[in-house]
Structures are given as structure tokens and as C-alpha cells.
């Protein structure tokens, strides 16, 4: 299973793991947009991985990084 269906499960798992471990966690699963990446970051992820979306469009990671950079100002 991959893609958007994993987003809510991945975000929940990220939140639970970050609450229990004292080390960086990589959020992964269902990331297609900057909003998706923000959900993982808000759940405590130190990094966000982009998988299936990057296979469909190799420019997705760059676009997401650019949009996240704009939000930080």
C-alpha cells in the first residue's frame, strides 16, 4: 500500500513514535503536497520522505521544499 491512503496512518504513527523516543523520526507515507509534509512536521517528524509521488513526478520534492521554504519566510 502506498500513496495518499497512508497519510493519516503515517502522521498518527509519527506522532506516537516521537512521543516515546528521544531521537529524530522521519515521517513517510502519502506525502504529495507541502500541506502533507506540514502534517508530518507538526506531528514531530524531523524529516519528511517523499516516495510514490516522486516516482510519478520527479519535481514534487523540489516543489514541496520550495513551498515549505516560502512559508518560513
N, C-alpha and C. Protein backbone atom coordinates (compact mmCIF):
# COMPACT_ATOMS: atom_id res chain seq x y z
N UNK A 1 0.85 -1.17 0.00
CA UNK A 1 0.00 0.00 0.00
C UNK A 1 0.90 1.24 0.00
N UNK A 2 0.55 2.19 -0.82
CA UNK A 2 1.30 3.44 -0.85
C UNK A 2 0.39 4.56 -1.29
N UNK A 3 0.90 5.77 -1.20
CA UNK A 3 0.15 6.92 -1.66
C UNK A 3 -0.70 7.58 -0.59
N UNK A 4 -1.68 8.37 -1.01
CA UNK A 4 -2.46 9.21 -0.10
C UNK A 4 -3.17 8.46 1.02
N UNK A 5 -3.52 7.21 0.81
CA UNK A 5 -4.21 6.45 1.85
C UNK A 5 -3.35 6.28 3.11
N UNK A 6 -2.05 6.39 2.95
CA UNK A 6 -1.14 6.21 4.10
C UNK A 6 -0.98 7.46 4.95
N UNK A 7 -1.34 8.60 4.44
CA UNK A 7 -1.07 9.86 5.15
C UNK A 7 -1.60 9.86 6.59
N UNK A 8 -2.88 9.59 6.83
CA UNK A 8 -3.36 9.67 8.22
C UNK A 8 -2.70 8.64 9.13
N UNK A 9 -2.43 7.46 8.61
CA UNK A 9 -1.78 6.41 9.40
C UNK A 9 -0.33 6.82 9.70
N UNK A 10 0.36 7.33 8.70
CA UNK A 10 1.75 7.75 8.88
C UNK A 10 1.89 8.90 9.86
N UNK A 11 0.99 9.86 9.78
CA UNK A 11 1.03 11.01 10.69
C UNK A 11 0.77 10.55 12.12
N UNK A 12 -0.22 9.69 12.30
CA UNK A 12 -0.51 9.16 13.63
C UNK A 12 0.67 8.37 14.18
N UNK A 13 1.26 7.52 13.36
CA UNK A 13 2.42 6.74 13.80
C UNK A 13 3.59 7.66 14.15
N UNK A 14 3.80 8.68 13.36
CA UNK A 14 4.87 9.64 13.63
C UNK A 14 4.66 10.31 14.98
N UNK A 15 3.45 10.74 15.22
CA UNK A 15 3.13 11.41 16.49
C UNK A 15 3.39 10.45 17.67
N UNK A 16 2.93 9.23 17.56
CA UNK A 16 3.10 8.27 18.66
C UNK A 16 4.56 7.93 18.89
N UNK A 17 5.31 7.75 17.82
CA UNK A 17 6.72 7.40 17.97
C UNK A 17 7.51 8.57 18.55
N UNK A 18 7.28 9.77 18.06
CA UNK A 18 8.03 10.92 18.56
C UNK A 18 7.74 11.18 20.04
N UNK A 19 6.56 10.81 20.49
CA UNK A 19 6.23 10.98 21.91
C UNK A 19 6.98 9.99 22.79
N UNK A 20 7.46 8.90 22.21
CA UNK A 20 8.05 7.82 23.00
C UNK A 20 9.57 7.66 22.86
N UNK A 21 10.15 8.24 21.85
CA UNK A 21 11.60 8.06 21.65
C UNK A 21 12.29 9.42 21.68
N UNK A 22 13.54 9.40 22.04
CA UNK A 22 14.30 10.65 22.11
C UNK A 22 15.26 10.79 20.95
N UNK A 23 14.78 10.47 19.76
CA UNK A 23 15.64 10.59 18.59
C UNK A 23 14.82 11.08 17.40
N UNK A 24 15.48 11.56 16.37
CA UNK A 24 14.77 12.06 15.18
C UNK A 24 13.94 10.96 14.52
N UNK A 25 12.80 11.36 13.99
CA UNK A 25 11.89 10.46 13.30
C UNK A 25 11.64 11.01 11.90
N UNK A 26 11.61 10.12 10.92
CA UNK A 26 11.31 10.52 9.54
C UNK A 26 9.86 10.17 9.26
N UNK A 27 9.07 11.17 8.90
CA UNK A 27 7.68 10.94 8.53
C UNK A 27 7.61 10.49 7.08
N UNK A 28 6.86 9.44 6.83
CA UNK A 28 6.77 8.91 5.47
C UNK A 28 5.42 8.25 5.23
N UNK A 29 4.90 8.47 4.04
CA UNK A 29 3.65 7.84 3.63
C UNK A 29 2.62 8.85 3.18
N UNK A 30 2.33 8.88 1.91
CA UNK A 30 1.25 9.70 1.39
C UNK A 30 1.57 11.16 1.14
N UNK A 31 2.82 11.53 1.18
CA UNK A 31 3.18 12.95 1.00
C UNK A 31 3.15 13.31 -0.48
N UNK A 32 2.26 14.25 -0.84
CA UNK A 32 2.16 14.74 -2.22
C UNK A 32 2.24 16.26 -2.31
N UNK A 33 2.00 16.93 -1.17
CA UNK A 33 1.96 18.39 -1.16
C UNK A 33 2.69 18.93 0.06
N UNK A 34 2.93 20.23 0.05
CA UNK A 34 3.55 20.88 1.21
C UNK A 34 2.65 20.75 2.43
N UNK A 35 1.35 20.79 2.23
CA UNK A 35 0.42 20.63 3.36
C UNK A 35 0.58 19.25 3.99
N UNK A 36 0.78 18.23 3.17
CA UNK A 36 1.01 16.88 3.69
C UNK A 36 2.29 16.85 4.52
N UNK A 37 3.35 17.45 3.99
CA UNK A 37 4.62 17.49 4.71
C UNK A 37 4.47 18.24 6.02
N UNK A 38 3.71 19.33 6.03
CA UNK A 38 3.48 20.09 7.25
C UNK A 38 2.79 19.25 8.32
N UNK A 39 1.89 18.36 7.89
CA UNK A 39 1.22 17.48 8.86
C UNK A 39 2.24 16.61 9.59
N UNK A 40 3.19 16.06 8.85
CA UNK A 40 4.23 15.25 9.48
C UNK A 40 5.12 16.09 10.39
N UNK A 41 5.48 17.27 9.94
CA UNK A 41 6.32 18.14 10.77
C UNK A 41 5.59 18.54 12.04
N UNK A 42 4.30 18.82 11.94
CA UNK A 42 3.51 19.17 13.11
C UNK A 42 3.37 17.99 14.07
N UNK A 43 3.44 16.78 13.52
CA UNK A 43 3.37 15.56 14.35
C UNK A 43 4.70 15.25 15.01
N UNK A 44 5.75 16.03 14.69
CA UNK A 44 7.03 15.85 15.34
C UNK A 44 8.14 15.28 14.47
N UNK A 45 7.87 15.04 13.20
CA UNK A 45 8.91 14.50 12.32
C UNK A 45 10.05 15.51 12.16
N UNK A 46 11.27 14.98 12.14
CA UNK A 46 12.44 15.83 11.90
C UNK A 46 12.67 16.00 10.41
N UNK A 47 12.34 14.98 9.66
CA UNK A 47 12.44 14.97 8.21
C UNK A 47 11.19 14.34 7.62
N UNK A 48 10.93 14.62 6.35
CA UNK A 48 9.78 14.03 5.67
C UNK A 48 10.28 13.39 4.39
N UNK A 49 9.91 12.14 4.18
CA UNK A 49 10.31 11.42 2.96
C UNK A 49 9.17 11.45 1.94
N UNK A 50 9.54 11.53 0.68
CA UNK A 50 8.57 11.54 -0.41
C UNK A 50 8.90 10.36 -1.30
N UNK A 51 7.96 9.45 -1.47
CA UNK A 51 8.22 8.24 -2.24
C UNK A 51 7.44 8.17 -3.53
N UNK A 52 6.24 7.63 -3.48
CA UNK A 52 5.43 7.37 -4.66
C UNK A 52 5.18 8.62 -5.50
N UNK A 53 4.92 9.74 -4.84
CA UNK A 53 4.66 10.98 -5.57
C UNK A 53 5.87 11.39 -6.41
N UNK A 54 7.08 11.12 -5.91
CA UNK A 54 8.29 11.46 -6.66
C UNK A 54 8.49 10.54 -7.85
N UNK A 55 7.97 9.33 -7.77
CA UNK A 55 8.04 8.42 -8.92
C UNK A 55 7.12 8.92 -10.04
N UNK A 56 5.96 9.42 -9.65
CA UNK A 56 5.00 9.92 -10.63
C UNK A 56 5.46 11.25 -11.22
N UNK A 57 6.09 12.09 -10.39
CA UNK A 57 6.57 13.40 -10.84
C UNK A 57 7.86 13.72 -10.09
N UNK A 58 9.01 13.54 -10.72
CA UNK A 58 10.29 13.76 -10.05
C UNK A 58 10.50 15.19 -9.52
N UNK A 59 9.66 16.11 -9.92
CA UNK A 59 9.81 17.50 -9.45
C UNK A 59 9.05 17.78 -8.16
N UNK A 60 8.27 16.82 -7.69
CA UNK A 60 7.48 17.01 -6.48
C UNK A 60 8.34 17.38 -5.27
N UNK A 61 9.44 16.67 -4.98
CA UNK A 61 10.23 17.05 -3.80
C UNK A 61 10.73 18.50 -3.84
N UNK A 62 11.17 18.92 -5.00
CA UNK A 62 11.65 20.30 -5.14
C UNK A 62 10.51 21.29 -4.90
N UNK A 63 9.34 21.02 -5.46
CA UNK A 63 8.20 21.91 -5.30
C UNK A 63 7.79 22.00 -3.83
N UNK A 64 7.75 20.86 -3.16
CA UNK A 64 7.37 20.85 -1.75
C UNK A 64 8.38 21.63 -0.92
N UNK A 65 9.66 21.40 -1.15
CA UNK A 65 10.70 22.11 -0.41
C UNK A 65 10.60 23.61 -0.64
N UNK A 66 10.36 24.01 -1.87
CA UNK A 66 10.22 25.44 -2.18
C UNK A 66 9.02 26.05 -1.45
N UNK A 67 7.89 25.34 -1.46
CA UNK A 67 6.70 25.84 -0.78
C UNK A 67 6.89 25.91 0.73
N UNK A 68 7.57 24.93 1.30
CA UNK A 68 7.85 24.97 2.73
C UNK A 68 8.80 26.12 3.06
N UNK A 69 9.76 26.37 2.19
CA UNK A 69 10.68 27.49 2.39
C UNK A 69 9.98 28.83 2.36
N UNK A 70 9.00 29.00 1.48
CA UNK A 70 8.23 30.24 1.40
C UNK A 70 7.45 30.46 2.68
N UNK A 71 6.93 29.39 3.26
CA UNK A 71 6.12 29.50 4.47
C UNK A 71 6.97 29.97 5.65
N UNK A 72 8.26 29.63 5.64
CA UNK A 72 9.14 30.04 6.75
C UNK A 72 9.54 31.50 6.61
N UNK A 73 9.46 32.01 5.39
CA UNK A 73 9.76 33.41 5.12
C UNK A 73 11.15 33.75 5.34
